[in-house]
Amino acid sequence: MSPRLRPSTTRIVLVACLAFVPLACGEPSERRVRVSPASGTVTYQGKPLPGAFILFRKAEIDPEVPSPTATTGEDGSFALTTYENKDGAPAGDYVVTISTAPTTVVEKKVSLKKAERPVDHLKGKYADPKTSGLKATIKPGVNRLEPFDLKESGGVAPPPVSSKGRDR
């Protein structure tokens, strides 16, 4: 072999090895489980409930798999999101919670003066997984869930909630 050929070959091998270093040393990839499309509707006393935040929680929570969520549209419809917008949910049985309190305040637990606190027009009845009474099963394939028709336990019906200006 000629001496000129050897350094060139060494450089090529070195460059090829260095090209794979970022892949080997990069951050570990997110563990993703297979999800199936899932959609449905939420109504309150038979009428669409816009702007409601929905959270699906598995009975056996896996901290490495996010809980599917959705926000209802003006017609009360929703499509679940686990990893990417409206991608669906992993198969399994879920307890479902629904709240009409603005999700940005609920998630960040921002302290506000009493008069400024967001109102959950469902009065928290469906916000606690222990008391919501709402369940759903996601199966492999496309899922069209039975409507969640929420009822009030008495008193005056809450005013309609608009999803405009809400964010997830």
N, C-alpha and C. Protein backbone atom coordinates (compact mmCIF):
# COMPACT_ATOMS: atom_id res chain seq x y z
N MET A 1 0.84 -1.18 0.00
CA MET A 1 0.00 0.00 0.00
C MET A 1 0.88 1.24 0.00
N SER A 2 0.44 2.23 -0.65
CA SER A 2 1.23 3.45 -0.67
C SER A 2 0.95 4.24 0.59
N PRO A 3 1.91 4.98 1.14
CA PRO A 3 1.71 5.76 2.35
C PRO A 3 0.63 6.82 2.19
N ARG A 4 0.40 7.34 0.99
CA ARG A 4 -0.62 8.39 0.80
C ARG A 4 -2.04 7.83 0.94
N LEU A 5 -2.22 6.59 0.57
CA LEU A 5 -3.54 6.00 0.61
C LEU A 5 -3.99 5.72 2.05
N ARG A 6 -3.07 5.36 2.86
CA ARG A 6 -3.40 4.99 4.23
C ARG A 6 -3.98 6.16 5.04
N PRO A 7 -3.37 7.36 5.08
CA PRO A 7 -3.98 8.46 5.84
C PRO A 7 -5.36 8.83 5.32
N SER A 8 -5.57 8.73 4.02
CA SER A 8 -6.87 9.06 3.45
C SER A 8 -7.91 8.06 3.95
N THR A 9 -7.58 6.80 3.96
CA THR A 9 -8.49 5.77 4.45
C THR A 9 -8.78 5.98 5.93
N THR A 10 -7.75 6.30 6.67
CA THR A 10 -7.91 6.56 8.11
C THR A 10 -8.85 7.73 8.33
N ARG A 11 -8.70 8.79 7.54
CA ARG A 11 -9.59 9.94 7.67
C ARG A 11 -11.04 9.58 7.38
N ILE A 12 -11.23 8.76 6.35
CA ILE A 12 -12.61 8.38 6.00
C ILE A 12 -13.24 7.59 7.14
N VAL A 13 -12.50 6.65 7.70
CA VAL A 13 -13.03 5.86 8.81
C VAL A 13 -13.28 6.76 10.02
N LEU A 14 -12.36 7.68 10.29
CA LEU A 14 -12.52 8.59 11.43
C LEU A 14 -13.75 9.49 11.25
N VAL A 15 -13.93 10.03 10.06
CA VAL A 15 -15.08 10.89 9.79
C VAL A 15 -16.38 10.08 9.92
N ALA A 16 -16.38 8.87 9.41
CA ALA A 16 -17.58 8.02 9.51
C ALA A 16 -17.91 7.73 10.98
N CYS A 17 -16.88 7.43 11.78
CA CYS A 17 -17.12 7.17 13.21
C CYS A 17 -17.64 8.41 13.92
N LEU A 18 -17.07 9.56 13.62
CA LEU A 18 -17.49 10.79 14.27
C LEU A 18 -18.92 11.17 13.88
N ALA A 19 -19.34 10.77 12.70
CA ALA A 19 -20.69 11.08 12.27
C ALA A 19 -21.73 10.36 13.13
N PHE A 20 -21.37 9.21 13.69
CA PHE A 20 -22.31 8.44 14.52
C PHE A 20 -22.23 8.77 16.00
N VAL A 21 -21.24 9.54 16.43
CA VAL A 21 -21.10 9.88 17.84
C VAL A 21 -22.32 10.63 18.35
N PRO A 22 -22.85 11.65 17.66
CA PRO A 22 -24.04 12.33 18.18
C PRO A 22 -25.24 11.40 18.35
N LEU A 23 -25.36 10.43 17.46
CA LEU A 23 -26.47 9.49 17.59
C LEU A 23 -26.30 8.60 18.82
N ALA A 24 -25.09 8.16 19.07
CA ALA A 24 -24.84 7.28 20.20
C ALA A 24 -24.88 8.03 21.53
N CYS A 25 -24.49 9.28 21.53
CA CYS A 25 -24.41 10.05 22.78
C CYS A 25 -25.59 10.98 22.98
N GLY A 26 -26.51 11.01 22.05
CA GLY A 26 -27.64 11.93 22.17
C GLY A 26 -28.58 11.53 23.29
N GLU A 27 -29.61 12.31 23.48
CA GLU A 27 -30.58 12.03 24.52
C GLU A 27 -31.33 10.76 24.17
N PRO A 28 -31.72 9.99 25.18
CA PRO A 28 -32.47 8.76 24.89
C PRO A 28 -33.81 9.11 24.25
N SER A 29 -34.21 8.29 23.30
CA SER A 29 -35.47 8.57 22.62
C SER A 29 -36.64 8.27 23.56
N GLU A 30 -37.73 9.00 23.38
CA GLU A 30 -38.92 8.83 24.20
C GLU A 30 -39.54 7.47 23.90
N ARG A 31 -39.89 6.75 24.94
CA ARG A 31 -40.55 5.46 24.74
C ARG A 31 -41.99 5.74 24.34
N ARG A 32 -42.36 5.24 23.20
CA ARG A 32 -43.72 5.45 22.73
C ARG A 32 -44.41 4.12 22.56
N VAL A 33 -45.62 4.06 23.09
CA VAL A 33 -46.43 2.87 22.86
C VAL A 33 -47.38 3.17 21.72
N ARG A 34 -47.85 2.13 21.09
CA ARG A 34 -48.75 2.29 19.96
C ARG A 34 -50.06 2.93 20.43
N VAL A 35 -50.55 3.88 19.67
CA VAL A 35 -51.82 4.54 19.99
C VAL A 35 -52.81 4.28 18.85
N SER A 36 -54.07 4.34 19.21
CA SER A 36 -55.15 4.18 18.23
C SER A 36 -56.00 5.44 18.24
N PRO A 37 -56.43 5.89 17.06
CA PRO A 37 -57.27 7.09 17.02
C PRO A 37 -58.52 6.91 17.89
N ALA A 38 -58.85 7.95 18.64
CA ALA A 38 -60.03 7.89 19.52
C ALA A 38 -60.69 9.26 19.56
N SER A 39 -61.98 9.28 19.34
CA SER A 39 -62.73 10.54 19.36
C SER A 39 -64.11 10.31 19.96
N GLY A 40 -64.75 11.42 20.31
CA GLY A 40 -66.08 11.33 20.89
C GLY A 40 -66.67 12.70 21.07
N THR A 41 -67.70 12.79 21.90
CA THR A 41 -68.34 14.07 22.20
C THR A 41 -68.65 14.15 23.69
N VAL A 42 -68.75 15.39 24.17
CA VAL A 42 -69.17 15.64 25.54
C VAL A 42 -70.36 16.58 25.47
N THR A 43 -71.44 16.18 26.15
CA THR A 43 -72.62 17.03 26.23
C THR A 43 -72.94 17.27 27.69
N TYR A 44 -73.61 18.37 27.93
CA TYR A 44 -74.08 18.68 29.28
C TYR A 44 -75.59 18.81 29.19
N GLN A 45 -76.28 17.92 29.84
CA GLN A 45 -77.74 17.84 29.79
C GLN A 45 -78.24 17.83 28.35
N GLY A 46 -77.57 17.03 27.52
CA GLY A 46 -77.97 16.84 26.13
C GLY A 46 -77.47 17.87 25.15
N LYS A 47 -76.80 18.93 25.61
CA LYS A 47 -76.29 19.96 24.70
C LYS A 47 -74.76 19.90 24.65
N PRO A 48 -74.16 20.21 23.49
CA PRO A 48 -72.70 20.17 23.38
C PRO A 48 -72.02 21.03 24.45
N LEU A 49 -70.91 20.53 24.99
CA LEU A 49 -70.16 21.26 26.00
C LEU A 49 -68.82 21.68 25.40
N PRO A 50 -68.73 22.91 24.88
CA PRO A 50 -67.47 23.37 24.28
C PRO A 50 -66.46 23.78 25.35
N GLY A 51 -65.18 23.66 25.00
CA GLY A 51 -64.12 24.15 25.88
C GLY A 51 -63.84 23.31 27.10
N ALA A 52 -64.31 22.09 27.15
CA ALA A 52 -64.04 21.22 28.30
C ALA A 52 -62.71 20.50 28.11
N PHE A 53 -61.95 20.40 29.18
CA PHE A 53 -60.67 19.69 29.17
C PHE A 53 -60.93 18.26 29.63
N ILE A 54 -60.45 17.30 28.83
CA ILE A 54 -60.68 15.88 29.10
C ILE A 54 -59.34 15.21 29.35
N LEU A 55 -59.28 14.38 30.39
CA LEU A 55 -58.07 13.63 30.71
C LEU A 55 -58.44 12.17 30.89
N PHE A 56 -57.76 11.30 30.16
CA PHE A 56 -57.95 9.85 30.30
C PHE A 56 -56.81 9.33 31.16
N ARG A 57 -57.14 8.63 32.26
CA ARG A 57 -56.12 8.05 33.15
C ARG A 57 -56.30 6.54 33.19
N LYS A 58 -55.20 5.82 32.94
CA LYS A 58 -55.24 4.37 33.06
C LYS A 58 -55.31 4.00 34.52
N ALA A 59 -55.93 2.87 34.81
CA ALA A 59 -56.01 2.39 36.18
C ALA A 59 -54.61 2.13 36.73
N GLU A 60 -53.75 1.56 35.90
CA GLU A 60 -52.36 1.33 36.28
C GLU A 60 -51.52 2.37 35.53
N ILE A 61 -51.18 3.44 36.22
CA ILE A 61 -50.46 4.55 35.60
C ILE A 61 -49.02 4.15 35.31
N ASP A 62 -48.58 4.42 34.10
CA ASP A 62 -47.19 4.20 33.69
C ASP A 62 -46.57 5.57 33.51
N PRO A 63 -45.61 5.95 34.39
CA PRO A 63 -45.04 7.30 34.30
C PRO A 63 -44.32 7.59 32.99
N GLU A 64 -44.00 6.55 32.23
CA GLU A 64 -43.31 6.77 30.96
C GLU A 64 -44.27 6.98 29.80
N VAL A 65 -45.56 6.77 30.03
CA VAL A 65 -46.56 6.96 28.97
C VAL A 65 -47.50 8.08 29.41
N PRO A 66 -47.55 9.18 28.65
CA PRO A 66 -48.43 10.28 29.04
C PRO A 66 -49.90 9.89 28.95
N SER A 67 -50.71 10.52 29.79
CA SER A 67 -52.16 10.31 29.76
C SER A 67 -52.74 11.07 28.58
N PRO A 68 -53.60 10.44 27.80
CA PRO A 68 -54.23 11.13 26.67
C PRO A 68 -55.14 12.27 27.15
N THR A 69 -55.16 13.35 26.38
CA THR A 69 -55.98 14.52 26.72
C THR A 69 -56.68 15.04 25.47
N ALA A 70 -57.63 15.91 25.69
CA ALA A 70 -58.33 16.59 24.59
C ALA A 70 -59.06 17.79 25.15
N THR A 71 -59.42 18.71 24.27
CA THR A 71 -60.28 19.83 24.60
C THR A 71 -61.43 19.80 23.60
N THR A 72 -62.65 19.93 24.10
CA THR A 72 -63.80 19.85 23.20
C THR A 72 -63.93 21.10 22.34
N GLY A 73 -64.40 20.90 21.14
CA GLY A 73 -64.67 22.01 20.23
C GLY A 73 -66.04 22.59 20.51
N GLU A 74 -66.44 23.57 19.70
CA GLU A 74 -67.74 24.23 19.88
C GLU A 74 -68.91 23.26 19.83
N ASP A 75 -68.75 22.15 19.09
CA ASP A 75 -69.84 21.17 18.98
C ASP A 75 -69.72 20.05 20.02
N GLY A 76 -68.78 20.20 20.97
CA GLY A 76 -68.58 19.20 22.02
C GLY A 76 -67.72 18.02 21.60
N SER A 77 -67.25 18.02 20.36
CA SER A 77 -66.45 16.90 19.88
C SER A 77 -65.00 17.02 20.33
N PHE A 78 -64.32 15.87 20.40
CA PHE A 78 -62.91 15.86 20.76
C PHE A 78 -62.21 14.69 20.09
N ALA A 79 -60.89 14.79 19.96
CA ALA A 79 -60.03 13.71 19.49
C ALA A 79 -58.85 13.66 20.46
N LEU A 80 -58.56 12.49 20.99
CA LEU A 80 -57.51 12.35 22.00
C LEU A 80 -56.12 12.52 21.43
N THR A 81 -55.25 13.08 22.27
CA THR A 81 -53.84 13.30 21.95
C THR A 81 -52.99 12.66 23.03
N THR A 82 -52.00 11.85 22.62
CA THR A 82 -51.05 11.28 23.57
C THR A 82 -49.66 11.84 23.32
N TYR A 83 -49.16 11.72 22.10
CA TYR A 83 -47.82 12.22 21.76
C TYR A 83 -47.89 13.41 20.80
N GLU A 84 -48.71 13.27 19.77
CA GLU A 84 -48.84 14.31 18.75
C GLU A 84 -50.32 14.66 18.61
N ASN A 85 -50.60 15.83 18.09
CA ASN A 85 -51.97 16.32 18.00
C ASN A 85 -52.93 15.30 17.40
N LYS A 86 -53.92 14.91 18.20
CA LYS A 86 -55.01 14.03 17.78
C LYS A 86 -54.54 12.67 17.28
N ASP A 87 -53.42 12.15 17.83
CA ASP A 87 -52.92 10.85 17.40
C ASP A 87 -53.67 9.68 18.02
N GLY A 88 -54.35 9.90 19.14
CA GLY A 88 -55.11 8.83 19.76
C GLY A 88 -54.62 8.49 21.15
N ALA A 89 -54.87 7.23 21.56
CA ALA A 89 -54.55 6.79 22.91
C ALA A 89 -54.10 5.33 22.88
N PRO A 90 -53.25 4.93 23.85
CA PRO A 90 -52.89 3.51 23.95
C PRO A 90 -54.12 2.68 24.30
N ALA A 91 -54.16 1.44 23.86
CA ALA A 91 -55.28 0.55 24.18
C ALA A 91 -55.34 0.32 25.69
N GLY A 92 -56.54 0.19 26.20
CA GLY A 92 -56.71 -0.10 27.62
C GLY A 92 -57.97 0.52 28.18
N ASP A 93 -58.17 0.28 29.48
CA ASP A 93 -59.31 0.83 30.19
C ASP A 93 -58.90 2.11 30.90
N TYR A 94 -59.77 3.11 30.87
CA TYR A 94 -59.46 4.42 31.42
C TYR A 94 -60.57 4.93 32.33
N VAL A 95 -60.15 5.75 33.30
CA VAL A 95 -61.07 6.59 34.06
C VAL A 95 -60.95 7.95 33.41
N VAL A 96 -62.08 8.60 33.16
CA VAL A 96 -62.10 9.86 32.43
C VAL A 96 -62.48 11.00 33.37
N THR A 97 -61.73 12.10 33.28
CA THR A 97 -62.10 13.30 34.04
C THR A 97 -62.36 14.43 33.05
N ILE A 98 -63.31 15.30 33.41
CA ILE A 98 -63.68 16.43 32.55
C ILE A 98 -63.87 17.65 33.43
N SER A 99 -63.30 18.77 32.98
CA SER A 99 -63.41 20.03 33.71
C SER A 99 -63.62 21.17 32.74
N THR A 100 -64.36 22.18 33.17
CA THR A 100 -64.51 23.37 32.33
C THR A 100 -63.69 24.54 32.86
N ALA A 101 -62.92 24.31 33.94
CA ALA A 101 -62.02 25.37 34.42
C ALA A 101 -60.92 25.55 33.38
N PRO A 102 -60.48 26.78 33.14
CA PRO A 102 -59.42 26.99 32.15
C PRO A 102 -58.20 26.15 32.51
N THR A 103 -57.74 25.33 31.55
CA THR A 103 -56.68 24.38 31.82
C THR A 103 -55.35 25.03 32.14
N THR A 104 -55.06 26.19 31.57
CA THR A 104 -53.76 26.81 31.86
C THR A 104 -53.65 27.16 33.33
N VAL A 105 -54.74 27.58 33.93
CA VAL A 105 -54.72 27.93 35.35
C VAL A 105 -54.70 26.67 36.20
N VAL A 106 -55.46 25.67 35.81
CA VAL A 106 -55.50 24.42 36.57
C VAL A 106 -54.14 23.75 36.56
N GLU A 107 -53.52 23.66 35.38
CA GLU A 107 -52.24 22.97 35.26
C GLU A 107 -51.13 23.70 36.00
N LYS A 108 -51.10 25.01 35.93
CA LYS A 108 -50.03 25.77 36.57
C LYS A 108 -50.33 26.10 38.02
N LYS A 109 -51.57 25.86 38.45
CA LYS A 109 -52.01 26.15 39.81
C LYS A 109 -51.64 27.57 40.22
N VAL A 110 -51.96 28.49 39.35
CA VAL A 110 -51.69 29.90 39.60
C VAL A 110 -52.60 30.38 40.72
N SER A 111 -52.02 31.09 41.67
CA SER A 111 -52.87 31.60 42.76
C SER A 111 -53.45 32.94 42.34
N LEU A 112 -54.74 33.03 42.43
CA LEU A 112 -55.44 34.25 42.06
C LEU A 112 -56.33 34.66 43.22
N LYS A 113 -56.74 35.91 43.19
CA LYS A 113 -57.71 36.37 44.18
C LYS A 113 -59.00 35.59 43.97
N LYS A 114 -59.75 35.42 45.03
CA LYS A 114 -60.96 34.61 44.96
C LYS A 114 -61.87 35.03 43.81
N ALA A 115 -62.05 36.32 43.61
CA ALA A 115 -62.94 36.82 42.55
C ALA A 115 -62.41 36.48 41.16
N GLU A 116 -61.08 36.26 41.03
CA GLU A 116 -60.49 36.00 39.72
C GLU A 116 -60.30 34.51 39.44
N ARG A 117 -60.57 33.65 40.41
CA ARG A 117 -60.34 32.22 40.22
C ARG A 117 -61.25 31.69 39.13
N PRO A 118 -60.71 30.76 38.32
CA PRO A 118 -61.54 30.18 37.26
C PRO A 118 -62.64 29.33 37.86
N VAL A 119 -63.72 29.25 37.13
CA VAL A 119 -64.88 28.50 37.60
C VAL A 119 -65.00 27.22 36.78
N ASP A 120 -65.13 26.10 37.48
CA ASP A 120 -65.45 24.85 36.81
C ASP A 120 -66.97 24.77 36.86
N HIS A 121 -67.61 25.03 35.74
CA HIS A 121 -69.06 25.06 35.70
C HIS A 121 -69.69 23.71 36.03
N LEU A 122 -68.86 22.66 36.04
CA LEU A 122 -69.35 21.34 36.43
C LEU A 122 -69.16 21.12 37.92
N LYS A 123 -68.68 22.15 38.61
CA LYS A 123 -68.49 22.16 40.06
C LYS A 123 -67.60 21.04 40.57
N GLY A 124 -66.64 20.64 39.75
CA GLY A 124 -65.68 19.62 40.16
C GLY A 124 -66.21 18.20 40.15
N LYS A 125 -67.46 18.03 39.82
CA LYS A 125 -68.10 16.71 39.88
C LYS A 125 -67.37 15.67 39.02
N TYR A 126 -66.88 16.10 37.86
CA TYR A 126 -66.24 15.16 36.94
C TYR A 126 -64.73 15.35 36.87
N ALA A 127 -64.16 16.22 37.71
CA ALA A 127 -62.74 16.54 37.64
C ALA A 127 -61.86 15.57 38.44
N ASP A 128 -62.43 14.83 39.37
CA ASP A 128 -61.67 13.92 40.22
C ASP A 128 -61.83 12.49 39.69
N PRO A 129 -60.72 11.80 39.39
CA PRO A 129 -60.84 10.44 38.87
C PRO A 129 -61.52 9.48 39.84
N LYS A 130 -61.50 9.79 41.12
CA LYS A 130 -62.12 8.91 42.11
C LYS A 130 -63.65 9.05 42.12
N THR A 131 -64.15 10.20 41.66
CA THR A 131 -65.59 10.45 41.75
C THR A 131 -66.27 10.73 40.42
N SER A 132 -65.50 10.79 39.32
CA SER A 132 -66.12 11.17 38.05
C SER A 132 -67.15 10.15 37.57
N GLY A 133 -66.89 8.89 37.82
CA GLY A 133 -67.81 7.85 37.36
C GLY A 133 -67.75 7.61 35.85
N LEU A 134 -66.85 8.31 35.15
CA LEU A 134 -66.74 8.18 33.70
C LEU A 134 -65.64 7.19 33.35
N LYS A 135 -65.95 6.25 32.46
CA LYS A 135 -64.97 5.24 32.05
C LYS A 135 -65.03 5.08 30.54
N ALA A 136 -63.91 4.63 29.98
CA ALA A 136 -63.85 4.37 28.54
C ALA A 136 -62.81 3.28 28.29
N THR A 137 -63.02 2.56 27.21
CA THR A 137 -62.06 1.53 26.78
C THR A 137 -61.59 1.88 25.38
N ILE A 138 -60.28 1.90 25.21
CA ILE A 138 -59.69 2.13 23.89
C ILE A 138 -59.19 0.78 23.39
N LYS A 139 -59.58 0.44 22.17
CA LYS A 139 -59.17 -0.83 21.55
C LYS A 139 -58.27 -0.52 20.36
N PRO A 140 -57.43 -1.48 19.96
CA PRO A 140 -56.63 -1.26 18.75
C PRO A 140 -57.55 -0.95 17.56
N GLY A 141 -57.16 -0.03 16.71
CA GLY A 141 -57.99 0.40 15.59
C GLY A 141 -58.66 1.72 15.90
N VAL A 142 -59.54 2.15 15.04
CA VAL A 142 -60.22 3.43 15.20
C VAL A 142 -61.33 3.30 16.24
N ASN A 143 -61.36 4.24 17.18
CA ASN A 143 -62.34 4.22 18.27
C ASN A 143 -63.26 5.43 18.19
N ARG A 144 -64.54 5.19 18.12
CA ARG A 144 -65.55 6.25 18.22
C ARG A 144 -66.26 5.98 19.54
N LEU A 145 -65.94 6.77 20.56
CA LEU A 145 -66.44 6.55 21.91
C LEU A 145 -67.90 6.96 22.05
N GLU A 146 -68.59 6.29 22.97
CA GLU A 146 -69.96 6.69 23.31
C GLU A 146 -69.91 8.10 23.87
N PRO A 147 -70.92 8.92 23.60
CA PRO A 147 -70.91 10.30 24.13
C PRO A 147 -70.91 10.31 25.67
N PHE A 148 -70.18 11.26 26.22
CA PHE A 148 -70.22 11.50 27.66
C PHE A 148 -71.30 12.55 27.87
N ASP A 149 -72.46 12.15 28.38
CA ASP A 149 -73.56 13.09 28.62
C ASP A 149 -73.56 13.40 30.11
N LEU A 150 -73.05 14.57 30.46
CA LEU A 150 -72.91 14.96 31.86
C LEU A 150 -74.21 15.54 32.38
N LYS A 151 -74.49 15.24 33.63
CA LYS A 151 -75.71 15.72 34.28
C LYS A 151 -75.32 16.51 35.51
N GLU A 152 -76.17 17.45 35.86
CA GLU A 152 -75.95 18.20 37.10
C GLU A 152 -76.75 17.52 38.20
N SER A 153 -76.19 17.53 39.41
CA SER A 153 -76.86 16.84 40.52
C SER A 153 -77.93 17.69 41.18
N GLY A 154 -78.25 18.80 40.61
CA GLY A 154 -79.28 19.67 41.18
C GLY A 154 -78.89 21.12 41.04
N GLY A 155 -79.81 22.01 41.25
CA GLY A 155 -79.49 23.43 41.15
C GLY A 155 -79.66 23.94 39.74
N VAL A 156 -79.10 25.10 39.50
CA VAL A 156 -79.23 25.75 38.20
C VAL A 156 -78.13 25.25 37.28
N ALA A 157 -78.48 25.04 36.03
CA ALA A 157 -77.49 24.59 35.04
C ALA A 157 -76.44 25.66 34.85
N PRO A 158 -75.17 25.25 34.67
CA PRO A 158 -74.12 26.24 34.46
C PRO A 158 -74.28 26.93 33.11
N PRO A 159 -73.76 28.13 33.00
CA PRO A 159 -73.83 28.82 31.72
C PRO A 159 -72.96 28.10 30.70
N PRO A 160 -73.26 28.24 29.41
CA PRO A 160 -72.43 27.61 28.40
C PRO A 160 -71.02 28.16 28.44
N VAL A 161 -70.06 27.31 28.13
CA VAL A 161 -68.65 27.69 28.15
C VAL A 161 -68.16 27.74 26.72
N SER A 162 -67.43 28.77 26.36
CA SER A 162 -66.88 28.87 25.03
C SER A 162 -65.43 28.40 25.05
N SER A 163 -65.01 27.67 24.02
CA SER A 163 -63.63 27.21 23.95
C SER A 163 -62.73 28.26 23.32
N LYS A 164 -63.31 29.37 22.86
CA LYS A 164 -62.49 30.41 22.24
C LYS A 164 -61.58 31.03 23.27
N GLY A 165 -60.30 31.18 22.89
CA GLY A 165 -59.33 31.79 23.79
C GLY A 165 -58.75 30.80 24.78
N ARG A 166 -59.15 29.54 24.70
CA ARG A 166 -58.59 28.52 25.62
C ARG A 166 -57.45 27.83 24.92
N ASP A 167 -56.50 27.42 25.72
CA ASP A 167 -55.43 26.64 25.16
C ASP A 167 -55.21 25.42 26.03
N ARG A 168 -54.61 24.41 25.47
CA ARG A 168 -54.38 23.17 26.19
C ARG A 168 -53.24 23.27 27.10
